[in-house]
Amino acid sequence: MPIPNDVIFACLALDGPFLVHGAGDVIVSNPVSVHRAVPVQLDNTWLDWLGSVLVGQLQQCQFAVLSTQPYTARNQGRAEEERRDILYKFHYGLLLQGMAYSHGGLVITGATPNGQLAVESVSIPPPHPFLDYRRAGQISRAIIDRASALVPIIRGMYGRPHRYIRLRRGLVAWLQGIHSLSADDRLHNFIRAIEAITKPDRYRITRTFVDRAQLFIGPGARKESLLFQLYNLRSCIEHVKTWRKELRVPRPLLRNQAFGLRAFQAEVIASSIYIRIFERPDLMLALATEAQFNRFWKRPSSERELLWGPPIDLRREQAQCFIP
């Protein structure tokens, strides 16, 4: 399906992700459509605009996301920025589900007034590297619909400057983890993203993190030990200290594999926290301000657990997605 006539558009083409077999060539899920290839004919006009290298990248792309709105010459630049923002927030929704990692890609904005394609800008999105300890996932219709539903929620959060400040800062830390190439930087930022939600006390910081983060993964001695280890690894990286003594290597993994596992676990926990909050209006309301965060953590544990819901099954996620 090509770009429609008389629209303003933004297109995100990613190197790496792909649609599940049998999903069709185009999946429409408001406010985007997802394509198995870039939705344009890459002819000599594109070659003149972009050059052979970028056109070659687009030809290899197996996953492109398009967002459009009716064309109007007035405020076209602002409309293109809005379309681009929708694409990025949709991509966040995929990444929160452990999908659509990419080392590269292109973002193209433009318009098609009277059926004439006009490209306004071409840019390179930030990397979302796929590390070798995570199994690649094929993107299905259900995953796309879930990501689409997150777009207005995440965008709306950024439209409330005096609310959701802690959630926004935590999401920034999560994104820094997603953008990082090294496992230690990823772990560090994902734990910071979790810490934004646990809101540790000024004193007993590690103990508070461990106690509160059990809400997300469940109670128990092993899970408590894991959370202690994750936070201690984060502190070593934060303060530029060696982390080798803090890392517990489970059999039969090697040391570098064990650190990859810890980075993977930190990402899964962080992503599961944010996607749950975004999908639950009651949690968004309960965590909208600093005062509401304080009230949330002062609730009795039974009341807090009832509001939050069941913890994630970290072991199942590891069995399905982690590669030693």
C-alpha atoms as a PDB file:
ATOM      1  CA  MET A   1       0.000   0.000   0.000  1.00  0.00           C
ATOM      2  CA  PRO A   2       1.695   3.237  -1.107  1.00  0.00           C
ATOM      3  CA  ILE A   3       1.584   6.557   0.739  1.00  0.00           C
ATOM      4  CA  PRO A   4      -1.898   8.039   0.041  1.00  0.00           C
ATOM      5  CA  ASN A   5      -2.404  11.240  -1.940  1.00  0.00           C
ATOM      6  CA  ASP A   6      -2.964  14.594  -0.221  1.00  0.00           C
ATOM      7  CA  VAL A   7      -1.452  13.701   3.138  1.00  0.00           C
ATOM      8  CA  ILE A   8       1.359  14.846   5.377  1.00  0.00           C
ATOM      9  CA  PHE A   9       3.388  11.833   6.418  1.00  0.00           C
ATOM     10  CA  ALA A  10       6.262  10.493   8.456  1.00  0.00           C
ATOM     11  CA  CYS A  11       7.787   7.083   7.794  1.00  0.00           C
ATOM     12  CA  LEU A  12      10.118   5.151  10.094  1.00  0.00           C
ATOM     13  CA  ALA A  13      12.087   2.399   8.349  1.00  0.00           C
ATOM     14  CA  LEU A  14      14.016   0.095  10.698  1.00  0.00           C
ATOM     15  CA  ASP A  15      16.856  -2.301   9.970  1.00  0.00           C
ATOM     16  CA  GLY A  16      16.270  -5.584  11.777  1.00  0.00           C
ATOM     17  CA  PRO A  17      12.628  -6.056  12.836  1.00  0.00           C
ATOM     18  CA  PHE A  18      10.184  -8.021  10.693  1.00  0.00           C
ATOM     19  CA  LEU A  19       6.533  -9.001  10.707  1.00  0.00           C
ATOM     20  CA  VAL A  20       5.513 -12.506  11.652  1.00  0.00           C
ATOM     21  CA  HIS A  21       4.935 -14.826   8.708  1.00  0.00           C
ATOM     22  CA  GLY A  22       1.333 -14.737   7.523  1.00  0.00           C
ATOM     23  CA  ALA A  23       0.575 -11.304   8.989  1.00  0.00           C
ATOM     24  CA  GLY A  24       0.158  -9.763   5.535  1.00  0.00           C
ATOM     25  CA  ASP A  25       2.149  -7.004   3.893  1.00  0.00           C
ATOM     26  CA  VAL A  26       0.322  -4.158   5.658  1.00  0.00           C
ATOM     27  CA  ILE A  27      -1.222  -3.944   9.130  1.00  0.00           C
ATOM     28  CA  VAL A  28      -3.328  -0.862   9.832  1.00  0.00           C
ATOM     29  CA  SER A  29      -3.538  -0.017  13.536  1.00  0.00           C
ATOM     30  CA  ASN A  30      -4.557   3.579  14.251  1.00  0.00           C
ATOM     31  CA  PRO A  31      -2.608   5.910  14.408  1.00  0.00           C
ATOM     32  CA  VAL A  32      -0.096   4.029  12.220  1.00  0.00           C
ATOM     33  CA  SER A  33       0.186   1.435   9.512  1.00  0.00           C
ATOM     34  CA  VAL A  34       2.992  -1.129   9.527  1.00  0.00           C
ATOM     35  CA  HIS A  35       4.480  -2.357   6.257  1.00  0.00           C
ATOM     36  CA  ARG A  36       6.684  -5.270   5.267  1.00  0.00           C
ATOM     37  CA  ALA A  37       8.596  -2.886   2.977  1.00  0.00           C
ATOM     38  CA  VAL A  38       8.932   0.889   2.587  1.00  0.00           C
ATOM     39  CA  PRO A  39       5.594   2.102   1.155  1.00  0.00           C
ATOM     40  CA  VAL A  40       7.082   3.960  -1.840  1.00  0.00           C
ATOM     41  CA  GLN A  41       8.492   3.042  -5.220  1.00  0.00           C
ATOM     42  CA  LEU A  42      12.223   3.639  -4.834  1.00  0.00           C
ATOM     43  CA  ASP A  43      12.838   5.043  -8.311  1.00  0.00           C
ATOM     44  CA  ASN A  44      15.415   7.484  -9.676  1.00  0.00           C
ATOM     45  CA  THR A  45      13.685  10.381  -7.925  1.00  0.00           C
ATOM     46  CA  TRP A  46      14.501   8.800  -4.574  1.00  0.00           C
ATOM     47  CA  LEU A  47      18.014   8.105  -5.801  1.00  0.00           C
ATOM     48  CA  ASP A  48      18.467  11.813  -6.563  1.00  0.00           C
ATOM     49  CA  TRP A  49      17.067  12.830  -3.156  1.00  0.00           C
ATOM     50  CA  LEU A  50      18.839  10.335  -0.921  1.00  0.00           C
ATOM     51  CA  GLY A  51      21.757   8.856  -2.830  1.00  0.00           C
ATOM     52  CA  SER A  52      22.514   5.216  -3.521  1.00  0.00           C
ATOM     53  CA  VAL A  53      23.598   4.300   0.035  1.00  0.00           C
ATOM     54  CA  LEU A  54      20.387   5.400   1.749  1.00  0.00           C
ATOM     55  CA  VAL A  55      18.197   4.022  -1.031  1.00  0.00           C
ATOM     56  CA  GLY A  56      20.016   0.700  -0.635  1.00  0.00           C
ATOM     57  CA  GLN A  57      19.206   0.727   3.095  1.00  0.00           C
ATOM     58  CA  LEU A  58      15.541   1.373   2.366  1.00  0.00           C
ATOM     59  CA  GLN A  59      15.424  -1.448  -0.167  1.00  0.00           C
ATOM     60  CA  GLN A  60      16.689  -3.881   2.478  1.00  0.00           C
ATOM     61  CA  CYS A  61      14.164  -2.734   5.086  1.00  0.00           C
ATOM     62  CA  GLN A  62      11.555  -5.326   6.097  1.00  0.00           C
ATOM     63  CA  PHE A  63       9.733  -3.186   8.654  1.00  0.00           C
ATOM     64  CA  ALA A  64       8.387   0.315   8.038  1.00  0.00           C
ATOM     65  CA  VAL A  65       5.857   2.354  10.035  1.00  0.00           C
ATOM     66  CA  LEU A  66       3.782   5.124   8.420  1.00  0.00           C
ATOM     67  CA  SER A  67       1.748   7.871  10.070  1.00  0.00           C
ATOM     68  CA  THR A  68      -0.353  10.307   8.005  1.00  0.00           C
ATOM     69  CA  GLN A  69      -2.853  13.122   8.335  1.00  0.00           C
ATOM     70  CA  PRO A  70      -4.795  15.126   5.701  1.00  0.00           C
ATOM     71  CA  TYR A  71      -2.645  17.605   3.822  1.00  0.00           C
ATOM     72  CA  THR A  72      -2.750  21.302   4.561  1.00  0.00           C
ATOM     73  CA  ALA A  73      -0.066  23.797   3.616  1.00  0.00           C
ATOM     74  CA  ARG A  74      -0.562  25.634   6.891  1.00  0.00           C
ATOM     75  CA  ASN A  75       1.742  24.513   9.717  1.00  0.00           C
ATOM     76  CA  GLN A  76       3.054  21.609   7.634  1.00  0.00           C
ATOM     77  CA  GLY A  77       6.300  21.522   9.604  1.00  0.00           C
ATOM     78  CA  ARG A  78       4.452  21.171  12.912  1.00  0.00           C
ATOM     79  CA  ALA A  79       2.266  18.431  11.451  1.00  0.00           C
ATOM     80  CA  GLU A  80       5.335  16.509  10.274  1.00  0.00           C
ATOM     81  CA  GLU A  81       6.856  16.762  13.750  1.00  0.00           C
ATOM     82  CA  GLU A  82       3.647  15.433  15.250  1.00  0.00           C
ATOM     83  CA  ARG A  83       3.679  12.476  12.846  1.00  0.00           C
ATOM     84  CA  ARG A  84       7.333  11.810  13.695  1.00  0.00           C
ATOM     85  CA  ASP A  85       6.548  11.898  17.417  1.00  0.00           C
ATOM     86  CA  ILE A  86       3.752   9.370  16.905  1.00  0.00           C
ATOM     87  CA  LEU A  87       6.204   7.032  15.174  1.00  0.00           C
ATOM     88  CA  TYR A  88       8.710   7.299  18.018  1.00  0.00           C
ATOM     89  CA  LYS A  89       6.077   6.688  20.695  1.00  0.00           C
ATOM     90  CA  PHE A  90       4.787   3.687  18.718  1.00  0.00           C
ATOM     91  CA  HIS A  91       8.346   2.363  18.596  1.00  0.00           C
ATOM     92  CA  TYR A  92       8.562   2.792  22.388  1.00  0.00           C
ATOM     93  CA  GLY A  93       5.458   0.619  22.626  1.00  0.00           C
ATOM     94  CA  LEU A  94       7.165  -2.129  20.622  1.00  0.00           C
ATOM     95  CA  LEU A  95      10.406  -1.883  22.599  1.00  0.00           C
ATOM     96  CA  LEU A  96       8.505  -2.086  25.897  1.00  0.00           C
ATOM     97  CA  GLN A  97       7.305  -5.474  24.637  1.00  0.00           C
ATOM     98  CA  GLY A  98      10.873  -6.564  23.832  1.00  0.00           C
ATOM     99  CA  MET A  99      10.417  -6.049  20.077  1.00  0.00           C
ATOM    100  CA  ALA A 100      11.778  -3.928  17.209  1.00  0.00           C
ATOM    101  CA  TYR A 101      15.394  -3.496  18.280  1.00  0.00           C
ATOM    102  CA  SER A 102      17.379  -1.912  15.484  1.00  0.00           C
ATOM    103  CA  HIS A 103      20.945  -0.811  14.828  1.00  0.00           C
ATOM    104  CA  GLY A 104      19.866   1.675  12.189  1.00  0.00           C
ATOM    105  CA  GLY A 105      17.121   3.103  10.080  1.00  0.00           C
ATOM    106  CA  LEU A 106      15.708   6.260   8.545  1.00  0.00           C
ATOM    107  CA  VAL A 107      12.915   8.685   9.326  1.00  0.00           C
ATOM    108  CA  ILE A 108      11.427  10.422   6.285  1.00  0.00           C
ATOM    109  CA  THR A 109       8.850  13.205   6.465  1.00  0.00           C
ATOM    110  CA  GLY A 110       7.025  14.936   3.668  1.00  0.00           C
ATOM    111  CA  ALA A 111       3.716  15.397   1.894  1.00  0.00           C
ATOM    112  CA  THR A 112       1.801  14.266  -1.193  1.00  0.00           C
ATOM    113  CA  PRO A 113      -0.217  17.349  -2.328  1.00  0.00           C
ATOM    114  CA  ASN A 114      -2.183  16.536  -5.479  1.00  0.00           C
ATOM    115  CA  GLY A 115      -0.459  13.176  -5.628  1.00  0.00           C
ATOM    116  CA  GLN A 116       3.030  14.704  -5.925  1.00  0.00           C
ATOM    117  CA  LEU A 117       5.500  13.242  -3.449  1.00  0.00           C
ATOM    118  CA  ALA A 118       7.658  15.881  -1.745  1.00  0.00           C
ATOM    119  CA  VAL A 119      10.249  14.801   0.851  1.00  0.00           C
ATOM    120  CA  GLU A 120      10.891  17.475   3.475  1.00  0.00           C
ATOM    121  CA  SER A 121      13.423  15.806   5.756  1.00  0.00           C
ATOM    122  CA  VAL A 122      15.481  12.646   6.165  1.00  0.00           C
ATOM    123  CA  SER A 123      17.049  11.799   9.528  1.00  0.00           C
ATOM    124  CA  ILE A 124      18.604   8.861  11.325  1.00  0.00           C
ATOM    125  CA  PRO A 125      16.772   7.703  14.468  1.00  0.00           C
ATOM    126  CA  PRO A 126      18.746   6.851  17.601  1.00  0.00           C
ATOM    127  CA  PRO A 127      19.970   3.234  17.734  1.00  0.00           C
ATOM    128  CA  HIS A 128      18.081   0.602  19.664  1.00  0.00           C
ATOM    129  CA  PRO A 129      20.727  -2.122  19.485  1.00  0.00           C
ATOM    130  CA  PHE A 130      19.867  -5.788  19.541  1.00  0.00           C
ATOM    131  CA  LEU A 131      22.326  -7.489  21.864  1.00  0.00           C
ATOM    132  CA  ASP A 132      23.285 -11.103  21.396  1.00  0.00           C
ATOM    133  CA  TYR A 133      21.786 -12.299  24.688  1.00  0.00           C
ATOM    134  CA  ARG A 134      18.194 -11.639  23.585  1.00  0.00           C
ATOM    135  CA  ARG A 135      16.215 -13.826  21.201  1.00  0.00           C
ATOM    136  CA  ALA A 136      14.672 -11.982  18.244  1.00  0.00           C
ATOM    137  CA  GLY A 137      10.898 -11.852  18.224  1.00  0.00           C
ATOM    138  CA  GLN A 138       8.587 -11.696  15.225  1.00  0.00           C
ATOM    139  CA  ILE A 139       6.088  -8.859  15.394  1.00  0.00           C
ATOM    140  CA  SER A 140       2.444  -9.901  15.263  1.00  0.00           C
ATOM    141  CA  ARG A 141      -0.822  -8.005  14.876  1.00  0.00           C
ATOM    142  CA  ALA A 142      -1.475  -8.257  18.613  1.00  0.00           C
ATOM    143  CA  ILE A 143       1.911  -6.688  19.432  1.00  0.00           C
ATOM    144  CA  ILE A 144       1.276  -3.867  16.942  1.00  0.00           C
ATOM    145  CA  ASP A 145      -2.198  -3.165  18.341  1.00  0.00           C
ATOM    146  CA  ARG A 146      -0.810  -3.080  21.872  1.00  0.00           C
ATOM    147  CA  ALA A 147       1.906  -0.602  20.850  1.00  0.00           C
ATOM    148  CA  SER A 148      -0.644   1.561  19.019  1.00  0.00           C
ATOM    149  CA  ALA A 149      -2.828   1.736  22.124  1.00  0.00           C
ATOM    150  CA  LEU A 150       0.173   3.038  24.111  1.00  0.00           C
ATOM    151  CA  VAL A 151       0.803   5.981  21.741  1.00  0.00           C
ATOM    152  CA  PRO A 152      -1.878   8.401  23.046  1.00  0.00           C
ATOM    153  CA  ILE A 153      -1.098   7.445  26.651  1.00  0.00           C
ATOM    154  CA  ILE A 154       2.630   8.182  26.383  1.00  0.00           C
ATOM    155  CA  ARG A 155       2.064  11.333  24.323  1.00  0.00           C
ATOM    156  CA  GLY A 156      -0.571  12.511  26.784  1.00  0.00           C
ATOM    157  CA  MET A 157       1.866  12.040  29.650  1.00  0.00           C
ATOM    158  CA  TYR A 158       4.251  14.494  27.980  1.00  0.00           C
ATOM    159  CA  GLY A 159       1.386  16.977  27.545  1.00  0.00           C
ATOM    160  CA  ARG A 160       0.946  17.377  31.329  1.00  0.00           C
ATOM    161  CA  PRO A 161       4.050  19.328  32.442  1.00  0.00           C
ATOM    162  CA  HIS A 162       3.155  19.367  36.158  1.00  0.00           C
ATOM    163  CA  ARG A 163       2.118  15.715  36.339  1.00  0.00           C
ATOM    164  CA  TYR A 164       3.900  12.445  35.605  1.00  0.00           C
ATOM    165  CA  ILE A 165       7.314  14.061  36.156  1.00  0.00           C
ATOM    166  CA  ARG A 166       8.758  10.966  37.828  1.00  0.00           C
ATOM    167  CA  LEU A 167       7.283   8.672  35.162  1.00  0.00           C
ATOM    168  CA  ARG A 168       8.796  10.796  32.395  1.00  0.00           C
ATOM    169  CA  ARG A 169      12.225  10.836  34.042  1.00  0.00           C
ATOM    170  CA  GLY A 170      12.058   7.101  34.568  1.00  0.00           C
ATOM    171  CA  LEU A 171      11.124   6.556  30.941  1.00  0.00           C
ATOM    172  CA  VAL A 172      14.118   8.668  29.890  1.00  0.00           C
ATOM    173  CA  ALA A 173      16.392   6.379  31.931  1.00  0.00           C
ATOM    174  CA  TRP A 174      14.734   3.340  30.319  1.00  0.00           C
ATOM    175  CA  LEU A 175      15.345   4.840  26.864  1.00  0.00           C
ATOM    176  CA  GLN A 176      18.988   5.482  27.710  1.00  0.00           C
ATOM    177  CA  GLY A 177      19.244   1.796  28.554  1.00  0.00           C
ATOM    178  CA  ILE A 178      17.564   0.814  25.278  1.00  0.00           C
ATOM    179  CA  HIS A 179      19.990   3.034  23.332  1.00  0.00           C
ATOM    180  CA  SER A 180      23.091   1.676  25.078  1.00  0.00           C
ATOM    181  CA  LEU A 181      25.443  -0.690  23.288  1.00  0.00           C
ATOM    182  CA  SER A 182      27.084  -2.220  26.364  1.00  0.00           C
ATOM    183  CA  ALA A 183      25.429  -4.537  28.862  1.00  0.00           C
ATOM    184  CA  ASP A 184      26.744  -2.594  31.865  1.00  0.00           C
ATOM    185  CA  ASP A 185      25.310   0.727  30.634  1.00  0.00           C
ATOM    186  CA  ARG A 186      22.014  -1.002  29.898  1.00  0.00           C
ATOM    187  CA  LEU A 187      21.802  -2.543  33.360  1.00  0.00           C
ATOM    188  CA  HIS A 188      22.699   0.762  35.003  1.00  0.00           C
ATOM    189  CA  ASN A 189      19.969   2.694  33.208  1.00  0.00           C
ATOM    190  CA  PHE A 190      17.283   0.035  33.561  1.00  0.00           C
ATOM    191  CA  ILE A 191      17.832  -0.082  37.324  1.00  0.00           C
ATOM    192  CA  ARG A 192      17.597   3.726  37.386  1.00  0.00           C
ATOM    193  CA  ALA A 193      14.274   3.411  35.555  1.00  0.00           C
ATOM    194  CA  ILE A 194      13.038   0.946  38.191  1.00  0.00           C
ATOM    195  CA  GLU A 195      14.365   3.194  40.947  1.00  0.00           C
ATOM    196  CA  ALA A 196      12.261   6.063  39.596  1.00  0.00           C
ATOM    197  CA  ILE A 197       9.190   3.993  40.476  1.00  0.00           C
ATOM    198  CA  THR A 198      10.382   2.483  43.772  1.00  0.00           C
ATOM    199  CA  LYS A 199      11.345   5.995  44.961  1.00  0.00           C
ATOM    200  CA  PRO A 200      13.857   4.846  47.594  1.00  0.00           C
ATOM    201  CA  ASP A 201      14.112   6.726  50.862  1.00  0.00           C
ATOM    202  CA  ARG A 202      17.038   9.057  51.372  1.00  0.00           C
ATOM    203  CA  TYR A 203      18.519   6.570  53.807  1.00  0.00           C
ATOM    204  CA  ARG A 204      18.541   2.771  53.497  1.00  0.00           C
ATOM    205  CA  ILE A 205      18.417   3.236  49.726  1.00  0.00           C
ATOM    206  CA  THR A 206      19.351  -0.327  48.756  1.00  0.00           C
ATOM    207  CA  ARG A 207      17.058  -1.921  51.324  1.00  0.00           C
ATOM    208  CA  THR A 208      14.120   0.216  50.226  1.00  0.00           C
ATOM    209  CA  PHE A 209      14.744  -0.623  46.563  1.00  0.00           C
ATOM    210  CA  VAL A 210      14.842  -4.354  47.312  1.00  0.00           C
ATOM    211  CA  ASP A 211      11.724  -4.286  49.499  1.00  0.00           C
ATOM    212  CA  ARG A 212       9.658  -2.249  47.066  1.00  0.00           C
ATOM    213  CA  ALA A 213      10.812  -3.914  43.842  1.00  0.00           C
ATOM    214  CA  GLN A 214       9.488  -7.253  45.110  1.00  0.00           C
ATOM    215  CA  LEU A 215       6.063  -5.844  44.274  1.00  0.00           C
ATOM    216  CA  PHE A 216       7.029  -6.261  40.593  1.00  0.00           C
ATOM    217  CA  ILE A 217       8.703  -9.699  40.617  1.00  0.00           C
ATOM    218  CA  GLY A 218       7.229 -11.317  43.717  1.00  0.00           C
ATOM    219  CA  PRO A 219       8.572 -12.048  47.217  1.00  0.00           C
ATOM    220  CA  GLY A 220      11.038 -14.710  48.268  1.00  0.00           C
ATOM    221  CA  ALA A 221      14.653 -15.159  49.307  1.00  0.00           C
ATOM    222  CA  ARG A 222      15.954 -15.786  45.771  1.00  0.00           C
ATOM    223  CA  LYS A 223      14.173 -12.777  44.317  1.00  0.00           C
ATOM    224  CA  GLU A 224      15.369 -10.611  47.179  1.00  0.00           C
ATOM    225  CA  SER A 225      18.930 -11.795  46.520  1.00  0.00           C
ATOM    226  CA  LEU A 226      18.556 -11.004  42.815  1.00  0.00           C
ATOM    227  CA  LEU A 227      17.346  -7.476  43.542  1.00  0.00           C
ATOM    228  CA  PHE A 228      20.250  -6.892  45.961  1.00  0.00           C
ATOM    229  CA  GLN A 229      22.661  -8.039  43.264  1.00  0.00           C
ATOM    230  CA  LEU A 230      21.095  -5.874  40.559  1.00  0.00           C
ATOM    231  CA  TYR A 231      21.221  -2.785  42.752  1.00  0.00           C
ATOM    232  CA  ASN A 232      24.781  -3.446  43.866  1.00  0.00           C
ATOM    233  CA  LEU A 233      25.859  -3.881  40.235  1.00  0.00           C
ATOM    234  CA  ARG A 234      24.118  -0.617  39.393  1.00  0.00           C
ATOM    235  CA  SER A 235      25.976   1.132  42.249  1.00  0.00           C
ATOM    236  CA  CYS A 236      29.344  -0.209  41.086  1.00  0.00           C
ATOM    237  CA  ILE A 237      28.730   1.112  37.581  1.00  0.00           C
ATOM    238  CA  GLU A 238      27.377   4.421  38.911  1.00  0.00           C
ATOM    239  CA  HIS A 239      30.473   4.992  41.046  1.00  0.00           C
ATOM    240  CA  VAL A 240      32.963   3.615  38.507  1.00  0.00           C
ATOM    241  CA  LYS A 241      33.982   0.634  40.616  1.00  0.00           C
ATOM    242  CA  THR A 242      34.699  -2.909  39.517  1.00  0.00           C
ATOM    243  CA  TRP A 243      31.583  -5.059  39.633  1.00  0.00           C
ATOM    244  CA  ARG A 244      33.145  -8.522  39.316  1.00  0.00           C
ATOM    245  CA  LYS A 245      32.871  -9.316  43.047  1.00  0.00           C
ATOM    246  CA  GLU A 246      29.192  -8.350  43.088  1.00  0.00           C
ATOM    247  CA  LEU A 247      28.246 -10.645  40.214  1.00  0.00           C
ATOM    248  CA  ARG A 248      26.952 -14.084  41.176  1.00  0.00           C
ATOM    249  CA  VAL A 249      27.439 -16.477  38.271  1.00  0.00           C
ATOM    250  CA  PRO A 250      24.679 -19.112  38.076  1.00  0.00           C
ATOM    251  CA  ARG A 251      25.656 -22.466  36.647  1.00  0.00           C
ATOM    252  CA  PRO A 252      26.361 -23.266  33.847  1.00  0.00           C
ATOM    253  CA  LEU A 253      26.889 -19.674  32.660  1.00  0.00           C
ATOM    254  CA  LEU A 254      30.246 -17.992  32.163  1.00  0.00           C
ATOM    255  CA  ARG A 255      30.900 -14.620  33.785  1.00  0.00           C
ATOM    256  CA  ASN A 256      30.131 -12.518  30.692  1.00  0.00           C
ATOM    257  CA  GLN A 257      26.970 -14.572  30.081  1.00  0.00           C
ATOM    258  CA  ALA A 258      25.905 -14.015  33.681  1.00  0.00           C
ATOM    259  CA  PHE A 259      26.226 -10.251  33.330  1.00  0.00           C
ATOM    260  CA  GLY A 260      24.193 -10.424  30.125  1.00  0.00           C
ATOM    261  CA  LEU A 261      21.528 -12.298  32.086  1.00  0.00           C
ATOM    262  CA  ARG A 262      21.453  -9.581  34.763  1.00  0.00           C
ATOM    263  CA  ALA A 263      21.144  -6.849  32.120  1.00  0.00           C
ATOM    264  CA  PHE A 264      18.344  -8.828  30.476  1.00  0.00           C
ATOM    265  CA  GLN A 265      16.524  -9.251  33.793  1.00  0.00           C
ATOM    266  CA  ALA A 266      16.852  -5.550  34.584  1.00  0.00           C
ATOM    267  CA  GLU A 267      15.348  -4.659  31.204  1.00  0.00           C
ATOM    268  CA  VAL A 268      12.458  -7.098  31.543  1.00  0.00           C
ATOM    269  CA  ILE A 269      11.576  -5.781  34.999  1.00  0.00           C
ATOM    270  CA  ALA A 270      11.799  -2.120  33.941  1.00  0.00           C
ATOM    271  CA  SER A 271       9.804  -2.626  30.736  1.00  0.00           C
ATOM    272  CA  SER A 272       7.095  -4.627  32.500  1.00  0.00           C
ATOM    273  CA  ILE A 273       6.687  -1.877  35.101  1.00  0.00           C
ATOM    274  CA  TYR A 274       6.206   0.930  32.601  1.00  0.00           C
ATOM    275  CA  ILE A 275       3.946  -0.941  30.222  1.00  0.00           C
ATOM    276  CA  ARG A 276       1.716  -1.961  33.135  1.00  0.00           C
ATOM    277  CA  ILE A 277       1.461   1.605  34.392  1.00  0.00           C
ATOM    278  CA  PHE A 278       0.707   2.967  30.916  1.00  0.00           C
ATOM    279  CA  GLU A 279      -1.986   0.362  30.293  1.00  0.00           C
ATOM    280  CA  ARG A 280      -3.723   0.910  33.638  1.00  0.00           C
ATOM    281  CA  PRO A 281      -5.533   4.248  34.136  1.00  0.00           C
ATOM    282  CA  ASP A 282      -5.832   3.562  37.873  1.00  0.00           C
ATOM    283  CA  LEU A 283      -2.048   3.200  38.180  1.00  0.00           C
ATOM    284  CA  MET A 284      -1.444   6.308  36.053  1.00  0.00           C
ATOM    285  CA  LEU A 285      -3.700   8.213  38.436  1.00  0.00           C
ATOM    286  CA  ALA A 286      -2.064   6.715  41.535  1.00  0.00           C
ATOM    287  CA  LEU A 287       1.429   7.677  40.301  1.00  0.00           C
ATOM    288  CA  ALA A 288       0.776  11.087  38.725  1.00  0.00           C
ATOM    289  CA  THR A 289       2.594  13.287  41.264  1.00  0.00           C
ATOM    290  CA  GLU A 290       5.251  13.042  43.952  1.00  0.00           C
ATOM    291  CA  ALA A 291       2.592  13.232  46.646  1.00  0.00           C
ATOM    292  CA  GLN A 292       0.682  10.375  45.028  1.00  0.00           C
ATOM    293  CA  PHE A 293       3.867   8.314  44.770  1.00  0.00           C
ATOM    294  CA  ASN A 294       4.381   8.809  48.505  1.00  0.00           C
ATOM    295  CA  ARG A 295       0.814   7.759  49.256  1.00  0.00           C
ATOM    296  CA  PHE A 296       1.198   4.702  47.013  1.00  0.00           C
ATOM    297  CA  TRP A 297       4.237   3.423  48.944  1.00  0.00           C
ATOM    298  CA  LYS A 298       2.641   4.223  52.307  1.00  0.00           C
ATOM    299  CA  ARG A 299      -0.331   1.972  51.574  1.00  0.00           C
ATOM    300  CA  PRO A 300      -0.437  -1.366  53.416  1.00  0.00           C
ATOM    301  CA  SER A 301       1.393  -3.983  51.372  1.00  0.00           C
ATOM    302  CA  SER A 302      -1.780  -6.016  50.822  1.00  0.00           C
ATOM    303  CA  GLU A 303      -3.590  -2.978  49.429  1.00  0.00           C
ATOM    304  CA  ARG A 304      -0.611  -2.085  47.232  1.00  0.00           C
ATOM    305  CA  GLU A 305      -0.368  -5.620  45.855  1.00  0.00           C
ATOM    306  CA  LEU A 306      -4.086  -5.634  45.092  1.00  0.00           C
ATOM    307  CA  LEU A 307      -3.784  -2.363  43.172  1.00  0.00           C
ATOM    308  CA  TRP A 308      -0.642  -3.384  41.286  1.00  0.00           C
ATOM    309  CA  GLY A 309      -1.742  -6.892  40.347  1.00  0.00           C
ATOM    310  CA  PRO A 310       0.243 -10.118  39.975  1.00  0.00           C
ATOM    311  CA  PRO A 311       4.041  -9.929  39.630  1.00  0.00           C
ATOM    312  CA  ILE A 312       5.709 -10.836  36.361  1.00  0.00           C
ATOM    313  CA  ASP A 313       7.070 -14.331  35.842  1.00  0.00           C
ATOM    314  CA  LEU A 314      10.729 -13.456  35.395  1.00  0.00           C
ATOM    315  CA  ARG A 315      11.779 -17.095  35.039  1.00  0.00           C
ATOM    316  CA  ARG A 316       9.354 -17.630  32.162  1.00  0.00           C
ATOM    317  CA  GLU A 317      10.598 -14.503  30.386  1.00  0.00           C
ATOM    318  CA  GLN A 318      14.146 -15.753  30.792  1.00  0.00           C
ATOM    319  CA  ALA A 319      13.290 -19.197  29.396  1.00  0.00           C
ATOM    320  CA  GLN A 320      11.533 -17.687  26.384  1.00  0.00           C
ATOM    321  CA  CYS A 321      13.839 -14.819  25.461  1.00  0.00           C
ATOM    322  CA  PHE A 322      17.306 -15.092  27.018  1.00  0.00           C
ATOM    323  CA  ILE A 323      20.185 -16.592  25.009  1.00  0.00           C
ATOM    324  CA  PRO A 324      23.161 -17.709  27.162  1.00  0.00           C
END
